[in-house]
Amino acid sequence: MGGKIARAPEPAVRFLPSLGTRATDLAFSPDGRWLAAHGRTHRCIVYDLRAGELVHQLAHERQLWGAPTFSADSTRLLTSGLDGARLWELPDGRPLGAHAGTLVDATLVSDRIVAVHKDGTIETIALPDWRSLDRVATGVPSTCHTVSPDGRYVLVVGHQPVVALVWDVGERGELVRLDDDAIGWAAFGGPECRTLATIRSFVGHRPPHPLWLRELPKKKAVQRSRDTAYAAALAPDGSRYAYATGTHVAVCDAYGKELDQLEVGIACAALAFDRSGARLAAGSQNGGVALFNRRGT
């Protein structure tokens, strides 16, 4: 179902077959074997990075929305979108079950799924029976919702009402309301997922749109890029972050010191670190995916 990964002359970079559409969401498996990617179409691509092959095209009936997530043992992959959540077994790509709903994001945490519906409802779903454990209405229909990797927090951004807040799933209530209510992209990372990265929405707002980082539950954010950031990623351990300004990607340590400047070649639309923070995947506007290994191996 898809070809071999072509290797560039530089051994620290690999280029993967194109998605055929703008790459918007990327995710590494914890063991580093798999890379999942989609462009908010109806299919999620899975690459086997050890074998050097594209191995699966996992199909939904409606548009995918939100980043794919893997189980801790890298044997299951969760995808979600406007037709609900679906769980897949790896390495064979066999479907393990599904949950209906109009979802804008979801994450897999051990034996449960934390999902966000388009109307702003946050639902916790038990596995393997797909039983709904909890549903709570935030009262904020979605313009941007992001679930933290540990399922503890959800960033809720809406325009009716105009609000941006971080929801504590366990406490079933607000952790903090943010000053910026025009967030278009966000991600959680760092220890206990308390680092929140945001980029201001491009719709209806003049540039620049820099990257901002804040440590929860603080409201105040620190600007971490001078120019507009078109994509960004946080290392899981909080040791570094990356952001794309056109065809270049800057990799910085937690204090903002630049460690690397990477050339993607085409405007970057998505970034993701692996668990170690040593590998970085970059998805481009034309669907290409580049894999950078900062250790050069």
C-alpha atoms as a PDB file:
ATOM      1  CA  MET A   1       0.000   0.000   0.000  1.00  0.00           C
ATOM      2  CA  GLY A   2       2.703   2.479  -0.608  1.00  0.00           C
ATOM      3  CA  GLY A   3       6.322   2.782  -1.303  1.00  0.00           C
ATOM      4  CA  LYS A   4       9.714   2.816   0.203  1.00  0.00           C
ATOM      5  CA  ILE A   5      10.998   5.874   2.010  1.00  0.00           C
ATOM      6  CA  ALA A   6      13.525   7.717  -0.170  1.00  0.00           C
ATOM      7  CA  ARG A   7      16.663   8.714   1.704  1.00  0.00           C
ATOM      8  CA  ALA A   8      18.433  12.039   1.142  1.00  0.00           C
ATOM      9  CA  PRO A   9      22.243  12.162   0.801  1.00  0.00           C
ATOM     10  CA  GLU A  10      22.437  13.698   4.276  1.00  0.00           C
ATOM     11  CA  PRO A  11      21.975  10.736   6.682  1.00  0.00           C
ATOM     12  CA  ALA A  12      20.336  12.948   9.321  1.00  0.00           C
ATOM     13  CA  VAL A  13      17.309  13.562   7.044  1.00  0.00           C
ATOM     14  CA  ARG A  14      14.764  11.206   5.506  1.00  0.00           C
ATOM     15  CA  PHE A  15      11.901  12.102   3.195  1.00  0.00           C
ATOM     16  CA  LEU A  16       8.643  10.180   3.272  1.00  0.00           C
ATOM     17  CA  PRO A  17       6.126   9.683   0.460  1.00  0.00           C
ATOM     18  CA  SER A  18       3.729  12.582   0.121  1.00  0.00           C
ATOM     19  CA  LEU A  19       0.295  12.570   1.750  1.00  0.00           C
ATOM     20  CA  GLY A  20      -1.062  14.169  -1.399  1.00  0.00           C
ATOM     21  CA  THR A  21      -2.544  17.001   0.634  1.00  0.00           C
ATOM     22  CA  ARG A  22      -1.446  19.558   3.225  1.00  0.00           C
ATOM     23  CA  ALA A  23       0.013  17.749   6.241  1.00  0.00           C
ATOM     24  CA  THR A  24      -1.739  19.145   9.327  1.00  0.00           C
ATOM     25  CA  ASP A  25      -1.195  16.521  12.050  1.00  0.00           C
ATOM     26  CA  LEU A  26       1.760  14.242  12.870  1.00  0.00           C
ATOM     27  CA  ALA A  27       2.509  11.858  15.738  1.00  0.00           C
ATOM     28  CA  PHE A  28       5.326   9.444  16.633  1.00  0.00           C
ATOM     29  CA  SER A  29       4.641   6.231  18.519  1.00  0.00           C
ATOM     30  CA  PRO A  30       6.394   6.015  21.928  1.00  0.00           C
ATOM     31  CA  ASP A  31       8.777   3.320  20.688  1.00  0.00           C
ATOM     32  CA  GLY A  32       9.712   5.412  17.654  1.00  0.00           C
ATOM     33  CA  ARG A  33       8.686   2.759  15.132  1.00  0.00           C
ATOM     34  CA  TRP A  34       5.552   4.403  13.727  1.00  0.00           C
ATOM     35  CA  LEU A  35       4.734   7.842  12.390  1.00  0.00           C
ATOM     36  CA  ALA A  36       1.073   8.674  11.818  1.00  0.00           C
ATOM     37  CA  ALA A  37       0.069  11.626   9.638  1.00  0.00           C
ATOM     38  CA  HIS A  38      -2.998  13.128   8.039  1.00  0.00           C
ATOM     39  CA  GLY A  39      -4.123  16.264   6.265  1.00  0.00           C
ATOM     40  CA  ARG A  40      -7.689  16.465   7.580  1.00  0.00           C
ATOM     41  CA  THR A  41      -8.941  14.290   4.752  1.00  0.00           C
ATOM     42  CA  HIS A  42     -10.636  10.900   5.260  1.00  0.00           C
ATOM     43  CA  ARG A  43      -7.496   8.825   5.822  1.00  0.00           C
ATOM     44  CA  CYS A  44      -4.595   8.593   8.237  1.00  0.00           C
ATOM     45  CA  ILE A  45      -1.244   7.426   6.867  1.00  0.00           C
ATOM     46  CA  VAL A  46       1.002   5.185   8.982  1.00  0.00           C
ATOM     47  CA  TYR A  47       4.708   4.824   8.216  1.00  0.00           C
ATOM     48  CA  ASP A  48       6.892   2.042   9.612  1.00  0.00           C
ATOM     49  CA  LEU A  49      10.131   3.924  10.195  1.00  0.00           C
ATOM     50  CA  ARG A  50      12.147   0.783  10.943  1.00  0.00           C
ATOM     51  CA  ALA A  51      11.186  -0.995   7.727  1.00  0.00           C
ATOM     52  CA  GLY A  52      11.205   2.190   5.661  1.00  0.00           C
ATOM     53  CA  GLU A  53       7.684   1.689   4.342  1.00  0.00           C
ATOM     54  CA  LEU A  54       4.263   3.271   4.196  1.00  0.00           C
ATOM     55  CA  VAL A  55       2.195   0.444   5.666  1.00  0.00           C
ATOM     56  CA  HIS A  56      -1.372   1.655   6.275  1.00  0.00           C
ATOM     57  CA  GLN A  57      -3.992   4.096   5.044  1.00  0.00           C
ATOM     58  CA  LEU A  58      -6.641   4.035   7.761  1.00  0.00           C
ATOM     59  CA  ALA A  59      -9.969   5.304   6.461  1.00  0.00           C
ATOM     60  CA  HIS A  60     -12.753   7.327   8.053  1.00  0.00           C
ATOM     61  CA  GLU A  61     -16.070   8.161   6.416  1.00  0.00           C
ATOM     62  CA  ARG A  62     -15.744  11.860   7.230  1.00  0.00           C
ATOM     63  CA  GLN A  63     -12.929  14.360   7.708  1.00  0.00           C
ATOM     64  CA  LEU A  64     -10.245  13.627  10.296  1.00  0.00           C
ATOM     65  CA  TRP A  65      -9.735  16.290  12.940  1.00  0.00           C
ATOM     66  CA  GLY A  66      -7.121  16.416  15.689  1.00  0.00           C
ATOM     67  CA  ALA A  67      -3.787  14.641  15.985  1.00  0.00           C
ATOM     68  CA  PRO A  68      -3.591  10.824  16.012  1.00  0.00           C
ATOM     69  CA  THR A  69      -2.373   9.304  19.291  1.00  0.00           C
ATOM     70  CA  PHE A  70      -0.704   6.004  20.207  1.00  0.00           C
ATOM     71  CA  SER A  71      -0.984   3.751  23.224  1.00  0.00           C
ATOM     72  CA  ALA A  72       1.969   3.637  25.627  1.00  0.00           C
ATOM     73  CA  ASP A  73       3.077   0.258  24.229  1.00  0.00           C
ATOM     74  CA  SER A  74       2.770   1.487  20.603  1.00  0.00           C
ATOM     75  CA  THR A  75       0.375  -1.346  19.654  1.00  0.00           C
ATOM     76  CA  ARG A  76      -2.764   0.784  19.210  1.00  0.00           C
ATOM     77  CA  LEU A  77      -3.481   3.974  17.301  1.00  0.00           C
ATOM     78  CA  LEU A  78      -6.419   6.308  17.888  1.00  0.00           C
ATOM     79  CA  THR A  79      -7.771   8.486  15.090  1.00  0.00           C
ATOM     80  CA  SER A  80     -10.680  10.896  15.416  1.00  0.00           C
ATOM     81  CA  GLY A  81     -12.780  13.168  13.279  1.00  0.00           C
ATOM     82  CA  LEU A  82     -16.233  14.294  12.326  1.00  0.00           C
ATOM     83  CA  ASP A  83     -17.514  10.690  12.272  1.00  0.00           C
ATOM     84  CA  GLY A  84     -16.121   9.817  15.719  1.00  0.00           C
ATOM     85  CA  ALA A  85     -13.126   7.956  17.138  1.00  0.00           C
ATOM     86  CA  ARG A  86     -11.606   4.741  15.791  1.00  0.00           C
ATOM     87  CA  LEU A  87      -8.990   2.490  17.362  1.00  0.00           C
ATOM     88  CA  TRP A  88      -6.567   0.433  15.252  1.00  0.00           C
ATOM     89  CA  GLU A  89      -4.215  -2.418  16.139  1.00  0.00           C
ATOM     90  CA  LEU A  90      -0.581  -2.323  15.079  1.00  0.00           C
ATOM     91  CA  PRO A  91       1.299  -3.685  13.242  1.00  0.00           C
ATOM     92  CA  ASP A  92      -1.554  -5.133  11.123  1.00  0.00           C
ATOM     93  CA  GLY A  93      -3.867  -2.087  11.041  1.00  0.00           C
ATOM     94  CA  ARG A  94      -6.898  -4.098  12.168  1.00  0.00           C
ATOM     95  CA  PRO A  95      -9.847  -2.001  13.469  1.00  0.00           C
ATOM     96  CA  LEU A  96     -10.564  -2.608  17.163  1.00  0.00           C
ATOM     97  CA  GLY A  97     -13.716  -0.541  17.562  1.00  0.00           C
ATOM     98  CA  ALA A  98     -15.285   2.865  17.143  1.00  0.00           C
ATOM     99  CA  HIS A  99     -17.294   5.520  18.977  1.00  0.00           C
ATOM    100  CA  ALA A 100     -19.713   7.811  17.161  1.00  0.00           C
ATOM    101  CA  GLY A 101     -19.649  11.575  17.523  1.00  0.00           C
ATOM    102  CA  THR A 102     -18.644  14.797  15.815  1.00  0.00           C
ATOM    103  CA  LEU A 103     -15.178  15.055  17.335  1.00  0.00           C
ATOM    104  CA  VAL A 104     -12.596  17.823  17.027  1.00  0.00           C
ATOM    105  CA  ASP A 105      -9.900  16.115  19.104  1.00  0.00           C
ATOM    106  CA  ALA A 106      -9.300  12.987  21.175  1.00  0.00           C
ATOM    107  CA  THR A 107      -6.434  11.302  22.991  1.00  0.00           C
ATOM    108  CA  LEU A 108      -5.793   7.713  24.085  1.00  0.00           C
ATOM    109  CA  VAL A 109      -4.777   7.308  27.739  1.00  0.00           C
ATOM    110  CA  SER A 110      -4.267   3.713  28.886  1.00  0.00           C
ATOM    111  CA  ASP A 111      -7.757   2.152  29.066  1.00  0.00           C
ATOM    112  CA  ARG A 112      -9.760   5.242  28.190  1.00  0.00           C
ATOM    113  CA  ILE A 113     -10.240   7.942  25.574  1.00  0.00           C
ATOM    114  CA  VAL A 114     -10.765  11.626  26.296  1.00  0.00           C
ATOM    115  CA  ALA A 115     -12.697  13.178  23.391  1.00  0.00           C
ATOM    116  CA  VAL A 116     -14.003  16.653  22.607  1.00  0.00           C
ATOM    117  CA  HIS A 117     -17.199  17.065  20.596  1.00  0.00           C
ATOM    118  CA  LYS A 118     -17.749  19.987  18.253  1.00  0.00           C
ATOM    119  CA  ASP A 119     -20.380  21.430  20.608  1.00  0.00           C
ATOM    120  CA  GLY A 120     -17.751  21.656  23.361  1.00  0.00           C
ATOM    121  CA  THR A 121     -18.807  18.542  25.287  1.00  0.00           C
ATOM    122  CA  ILE A 122     -15.890  16.603  26.802  1.00  0.00           C
ATOM    123  CA  GLU A 123     -16.457  12.843  26.994  1.00  0.00           C
ATOM    124  CA  THR A 124     -14.433  10.119  28.707  1.00  0.00           C
ATOM    125  CA  ILE A 125     -14.834   6.695  27.078  1.00  0.00           C
ATOM    126  CA  ALA A 126     -13.819   3.375  28.652  1.00  0.00           C
ATOM    127  CA  LEU A 127     -12.006   0.665  26.707  1.00  0.00           C
ATOM    128  CA  PRO A 128     -12.407  -2.011  25.510  1.00  0.00           C
ATOM    129  CA  ASP A 129     -16.219  -1.809  25.738  1.00  0.00           C
ATOM    130  CA  TRP A 130     -16.467   1.825  24.496  1.00  0.00           C
ATOM    131  CA  ARG A 131     -18.714   2.751  27.411  1.00  0.00           C
ATOM    132  CA  SER A 132     -19.213   6.457  28.115  1.00  0.00           C
ATOM    133  CA  LEU A 133     -17.899   7.133  31.628  1.00  0.00           C
ATOM    134  CA  ASP A 134     -18.505  10.870  31.791  1.00  0.00           C
ATOM    135  CA  ARG A 135     -19.847  13.734  29.682  1.00  0.00           C
ATOM    136  CA  VAL A 136     -19.546  17.347  30.715  1.00  0.00           C
ATOM    137  CA  ALA A 137     -20.588  20.427  28.742  1.00  0.00           C
ATOM    138  CA  THR A 138     -18.107  23.303  28.712  1.00  0.00           C
ATOM    139  CA  GLY A 139     -20.684  25.620  27.151  1.00  0.00           C
ATOM    140  CA  VAL A 140     -18.191  26.657  24.472  1.00  0.00           C
ATOM    141  CA  PRO A 141     -18.825  25.375  20.910  1.00  0.00           C
ATOM    142  CA  SER A 142     -15.529  24.652  19.219  1.00  0.00           C
ATOM    143  CA  THR A 143     -13.340  26.870  17.142  1.00  0.00           C
ATOM    144  CA  CYS A 144     -10.191  25.259  18.606  1.00  0.00           C
ATOM    145  CA  HIS A 145     -10.065  22.399  21.109  1.00  0.00           C
ATOM    146  CA  THR A 146      -6.890  20.530  22.075  1.00  0.00           C
ATOM    147  CA  VAL A 147      -6.557  17.618  24.527  1.00  0.00           C
ATOM    148  CA  SER A 148      -3.307  17.176  26.459  1.00  0.00           C
ATOM    149  CA  PRO A 149      -1.444  13.873  25.846  1.00  0.00           C
ATOM    150  CA  ASP A 150      -2.272  12.658  29.372  1.00  0.00           C
ATOM    151  CA  GLY A 151      -5.961  13.501  28.965  1.00  0.00           C
ATOM    152  CA  ARG A 152      -5.922  15.811  31.972  1.00  0.00           C
ATOM    153  CA  TYR A 153      -6.452  19.174  30.264  1.00  0.00           C
ATOM    154  CA  VAL A 154      -8.429  20.508  27.324  1.00  0.00           C
ATOM    155  CA  LEU A 155      -7.878  23.912  25.745  1.00  0.00           C
ATOM    156  CA  VAL A 156     -11.301  25.306  24.842  1.00  0.00           C
ATOM    157  CA  VAL A 157     -11.528  28.243  22.421  1.00  0.00           C
ATOM    158  CA  GLY A 158     -14.818  29.582  21.128  1.00  0.00           C
ATOM    159  CA  HIS A 159     -16.358  32.657  19.535  1.00  0.00           C
ATOM    160  CA  GLN A 160     -19.939  32.237  20.826  1.00  0.00           C
ATOM    161  CA  PRO A 161     -19.140  33.091  23.582  1.00  0.00           C
ATOM    162  CA  VAL A 162     -15.713  34.578  22.855  1.00  0.00           C
ATOM    163  CA  VAL A 163     -13.502  32.774  25.346  1.00  0.00           C
ATOM    164  CA  ALA A 164     -10.289  30.748  25.749  1.00  0.00           C
ATOM    165  CA  LEU A 165      -9.870  28.548  28.788  1.00  0.00           C
ATOM    166  CA  VAL A 166      -8.094  25.422  29.990  1.00  0.00           C
ATOM    167  CA  TRP A 167     -10.471  22.769  31.319  1.00  0.00           C
ATOM    168  CA  ASP A 168      -9.382  20.311  34.009  1.00  0.00           C
ATOM    169  CA  VAL A 169     -10.975  16.996  33.006  1.00  0.00           C
ATOM    170  CA  GLY A 170     -10.538  15.318  36.398  1.00  0.00           C
ATOM    171  CA  GLU A 171     -11.958  18.280  38.314  1.00  0.00           C
ATOM    172  CA  ARG A 172     -14.699  18.809  35.700  1.00  0.00           C
ATOM    173  CA  GLY A 173     -14.152  22.558  35.645  1.00  0.00           C
ATOM    174  CA  GLU A 174     -12.004  25.475  34.527  1.00  0.00           C
ATOM    175  CA  LEU A 175      -8.333  25.570  35.483  1.00  0.00           C
ATOM    176  CA  VAL A 176      -7.656  29.032  34.078  1.00  0.00           C
ATOM    177  CA  ARG A 177      -9.100  31.544  31.603  1.00  0.00           C
ATOM    178  CA  LEU A 178      -6.560  32.916  29.125  1.00  0.00           C
ATOM    179  CA  ASP A 179      -6.079  36.503  27.995  1.00  0.00           C
ATOM    180  CA  ASP A 180      -5.870  35.540  24.299  1.00  0.00           C
ATOM    181  CA  ASP A 181      -9.235  34.452  22.905  1.00  0.00           C
ATOM    182  CA  ALA A 182      -8.105  34.245  19.254  1.00  0.00           C
ATOM    183  CA  ILE A 183      -6.019  31.062  19.395  1.00  0.00           C
ATOM    184  CA  GLY A 184      -5.870  29.084  16.162  1.00  0.00           C
ATOM    185  CA  TRP A 185      -3.388  26.341  17.125  1.00  0.00           C
ATOM    186  CA  ALA A 186      -2.300  24.882  20.445  1.00  0.00           C
ATOM    187  CA  ALA A 187      -0.437  21.955  21.990  1.00  0.00           C
ATOM    188  CA  PHE A 188       0.398  20.720  25.490  1.00  0.00           C
ATOM    189  CA  GLY A 189       3.778  19.331  26.537  1.00  0.00           C
ATOM    190  CA  GLY A 190       6.459  19.223  29.190  1.00  0.00           C
ATOM    191  CA  PRO A 191       6.298  17.628  32.640  1.00  0.00           C
ATOM    192  CA  GLU A 192       2.694  16.820  33.617  1.00  0.00           C
ATOM    193  CA  CYS A 193       1.604  18.489  30.336  1.00  0.00           C
ATOM    194  CA  ARG A 194       1.617  21.909  32.014  1.00  0.00           C
ATOM    195  CA  THR A 195       3.338  23.741  29.155  1.00  0.00           C
ATOM    196  CA  LEU A 196       0.846  25.204  26.690  1.00  0.00           C
ATOM    197  CA  ALA A 197       2.025  26.450  23.283  1.00  0.00           C
ATOM    198  CA  THR A 198      -0.285  28.637  21.218  1.00  0.00           C
ATOM    199  CA  ILE A 199      -0.321  30.494  17.900  1.00  0.00           C
ATOM    200  CA  ARG A 200      -2.870  33.201  17.188  1.00  0.00           C
ATOM    201  CA  SER A 201      -5.521  32.458  14.569  1.00  0.00           C
ATOM    202  CA  PHE A 202      -4.705  33.566  11.020  1.00  0.00           C
ATOM    203  CA  VAL A 203      -8.395  34.185  10.290  1.00  0.00           C
ATOM    204  CA  GLY A 204      -9.377  37.817  10.825  1.00  0.00           C
ATOM    205  CA  HIS A 205      -6.141  38.796  12.584  1.00  0.00           C
ATOM    206  CA  ARG A 206      -3.190  40.698  11.148  1.00  0.00           C
ATOM    207  CA  PRO A 207       0.343  39.255  11.291  1.00  0.00           C
ATOM    208  CA  PRO A 208       2.675  38.615  12.900  1.00  0.00           C
ATOM    209  CA  HIS A 209       1.405  35.474  14.626  1.00  0.00           C
ATOM    210  CA  PRO A 210       4.269  34.444  16.925  1.00  0.00           C
ATOM    211  CA  LEU A 211       4.563  31.347  19.086  1.00  0.00           C
ATOM    212  CA  TRP A 212       3.663  31.831  22.774  1.00  0.00           C
ATOM    213  CA  LEU A 213       4.447  29.501  25.681  1.00  0.00           C
ATOM    214  CA  ARG A 214       2.880  29.550  29.149  1.00  0.00           C
ATOM    215  CA  GLU A 215       3.241  27.340  32.213  1.00  0.00           C
ATOM    216  CA  LEU A 216      -0.140  26.357  33.627  1.00  0.00           C
ATOM    217  CA  PRO A 217      -1.977  27.474  35.653  1.00  0.00           C
ATOM    218  CA  LYS A 218      -0.388  30.857  34.887  1.00  0.00           C
ATOM    219  CA  LYS A 219      -2.234  33.105  32.449  1.00  0.00           C
ATOM    220  CA  LYS A 220       0.817  35.055  31.324  1.00  0.00           C
ATOM    221  CA  ALA A 221       2.572  33.803  28.196  1.00  0.00           C
ATOM    222  CA  VAL A 222       6.125  34.359  26.910  1.00  0.00           C
ATOM    223  CA  GLN A 223       6.675  35.146  23.230  1.00  0.00           C
ATOM    224  CA  ARG A 224       9.070  32.586  21.740  1.00  0.00           C
ATOM    225  CA  SER A 225       9.321  33.658  18.097  1.00  0.00           C
ATOM    226  CA  ARG A 226       9.799  37.087  16.560  1.00  0.00           C
ATOM    227  CA  ASP A 227       8.105  36.250  13.281  1.00  0.00           C
ATOM    228  CA  THR A 228       4.927  34.414  12.394  1.00  0.00           C
ATOM    229  CA  ALA A 229       5.012  30.742  13.357  1.00  0.00           C
ATOM    230  CA  TYR A 230       3.134  28.539  10.896  1.00  0.00           C
ATOM    231  CA  ALA A 231       3.546  25.366  12.961  1.00  0.00           C
ATOM    232  CA  ALA A 232       5.132  24.345  16.264  1.00  0.00           C
ATOM    233  CA  ALA A 233       5.834  21.355  18.515  1.00  0.00           C
ATOM    234  CA  LEU A 234       6.869  20.694  22.108  1.00  0.00           C
ATOM    235  CA  ALA A 235       9.211  17.882  23.136  1.00  0.00           C
ATOM    236  CA  PRO A 236       7.398  15.539  25.557  1.00  0.00           C
ATOM    237  CA  ASP A 237       9.954  16.118  28.314  1.00  0.00           C
ATOM    238  CA  GLY A 238       9.800  19.890  27.938  1.00  0.00           C
ATOM    239  CA  SER A 239      13.499  20.177  27.070  1.00  0.00           C
ATOM    240  CA  ARG A 240      12.953  21.877  23.712  1.00  0.00           C
ATOM    241  CA  TYR A 241      10.450  23.216  21.250  1.00  0.00           C
ATOM    242  CA  ALA A 242      10.384  23.901  17.527  1.00  0.00           C
ATOM    243  CA  TYR A 243       8.560  26.342  15.302  1.00  0.00           C
ATOM    244  CA  ALA A 244       8.355  26.885  11.557  1.00  0.00           C
ATOM    245  CA  THR A 245       8.682  30.271   9.856  1.00  0.00           C
ATOM    246  CA  GLY A 246       8.022  29.463   6.234  1.00  0.00           C
ATOM    247  CA  THR A 247      10.554  26.942   4.898  1.00  0.00           C
ATOM    248  CA  HIS A 248      12.791  27.039   7.994  1.00  0.00           C
ATOM    249  CA  VAL A 249      12.330  25.323  11.363  1.00  0.00           C
ATOM    250  CA  ALA A 250      14.043  26.618  14.488  1.00  0.00           C
ATOM    251  CA  VAL A 251      14.724  24.180  17.337  1.00  0.00           C
ATOM    252  CA  CYS A 252      15.222  25.854  20.728  1.00  0.00           C
ATOM    253  CA  ASP A 253      15.857  24.745  24.278  1.00  0.00           C
ATOM    254  CA  ALA A 254      13.319  25.403  27.026  1.00  0.00           C
ATOM    255  CA  TYR A 255      14.850  28.831  27.681  1.00  0.00           C
ATOM    256  CA  GLY A 256      14.627  30.022  24.085  1.00  0.00           C
ATOM    257  CA  LYS A 257      18.235  29.425  22.999  1.00  0.00           C
ATOM    258  CA  GLU A 258      18.349  28.291  19.377  1.00  0.00           C
ATOM    259  CA  LEU A 259      19.915  24.841  18.972  1.00  0.00           C
ATOM    260  CA  ASP A 260      19.307  24.156  15.285  1.00  0.00           C
ATOM    261  CA  GLN A 261      18.018  25.809  12.117  1.00  0.00           C
ATOM    262  CA  LEU A 262      16.532  23.212   9.758  1.00  0.00           C
ATOM    263  CA  GLU A 263      15.629  23.701   6.106  1.00  0.00           C
ATOM    264  CA  VAL A 264      12.354  22.026   5.079  1.00  0.00           C
ATOM    265  CA  GLY A 265      12.374  23.405   1.526  1.00  0.00           C
ATOM    266  CA  ILE A 266       8.614  24.027   1.286  1.00  0.00           C
ATOM    267  CA  ALA A 267       6.320  25.920   3.653  1.00  0.00           C
ATOM    268  CA  CYS A 268       5.870  23.837   6.807  1.00  0.00           C
ATOM    269  CA  ALA A 269       2.361  23.120   8.136  1.00  0.00           C
ATOM    270  CA  ALA A 270       2.938  20.623  10.976  1.00  0.00           C
ATOM    271  CA  LEU A 271       5.690  19.507  13.372  1.00  0.00           C
ATOM    272  CA  ALA A 272       6.099  16.682  15.895  1.00  0.00           C
ATOM    273  CA  PHE A 273       8.884  15.456  18.194  1.00  0.00           C
ATOM    274  CA  ASP A 274       9.453  11.834  19.110  1.00  0.00           C
ATOM    275  CA  ARG A 275       9.550  10.819  22.790  1.00  0.00           C
ATOM    276  CA  SER A 276      13.297  11.483  23.119  1.00  0.00           C
ATOM    277  CA  GLY A 277      13.116  14.896  21.468  1.00  0.00           C
ATOM    278  CA  ALA A 278      15.958  13.871  19.137  1.00  0.00           C
ATOM    279  CA  ARG A 279      13.803  13.294  16.052  1.00  0.00           C
ATOM    280  CA  LEU A 280      11.519  15.871  14.503  1.00  0.00           C
ATOM    281  CA  ALA A 281       8.958  15.264  11.767  1.00  0.00           C
ATOM    282  CA  ALA A 282       7.956  18.198   9.566  1.00  0.00           C
ATOM    283  CA  GLY A 283       4.915  18.141   7.289  1.00  0.00           C
ATOM    284  CA  SER A 284       4.683  20.603   4.424  1.00  0.00           C
ATOM    285  CA  GLN A 285       1.909  22.509   2.688  1.00  0.00           C
ATOM    286  CA  ASN A 286       2.231  20.243  -0.363  1.00  0.00           C
ATOM    287  CA  GLY A 287       1.949  17.009   1.657  1.00  0.00           C
ATOM    288  CA  GLY A 288       5.608  16.065   1.945  1.00  0.00           C
ATOM    289  CA  VAL A 289       7.009  14.821   5.267  1.00  0.00           C
ATOM    290  CA  ALA A 290      10.657  15.191   6.292  1.00  0.00           C
ATOM    291  CA  LEU A 291      12.203  13.343   9.241  1.00  0.00           C
ATOM    292  CA  PHE A 292      15.145  15.049  10.946  1.00  0.00           C
ATOM    293  CA  ASN A 293      17.455  13.165  13.308  1.00  0.00           C
ATOM    294  CA  ARG A 294      19.383  15.643  15.418  1.00  0.00           C
ATOM    295  CA  ARG A 295      21.790  12.909  16.569  1.00  0.00           C
ATOM    296  CA  GLY A 296      22.686  12.236  12.948  1.00  0.00           C
ATOM    297  CA  THR A 297      21.957   8.509  13.203  1.00  0.00           C
END
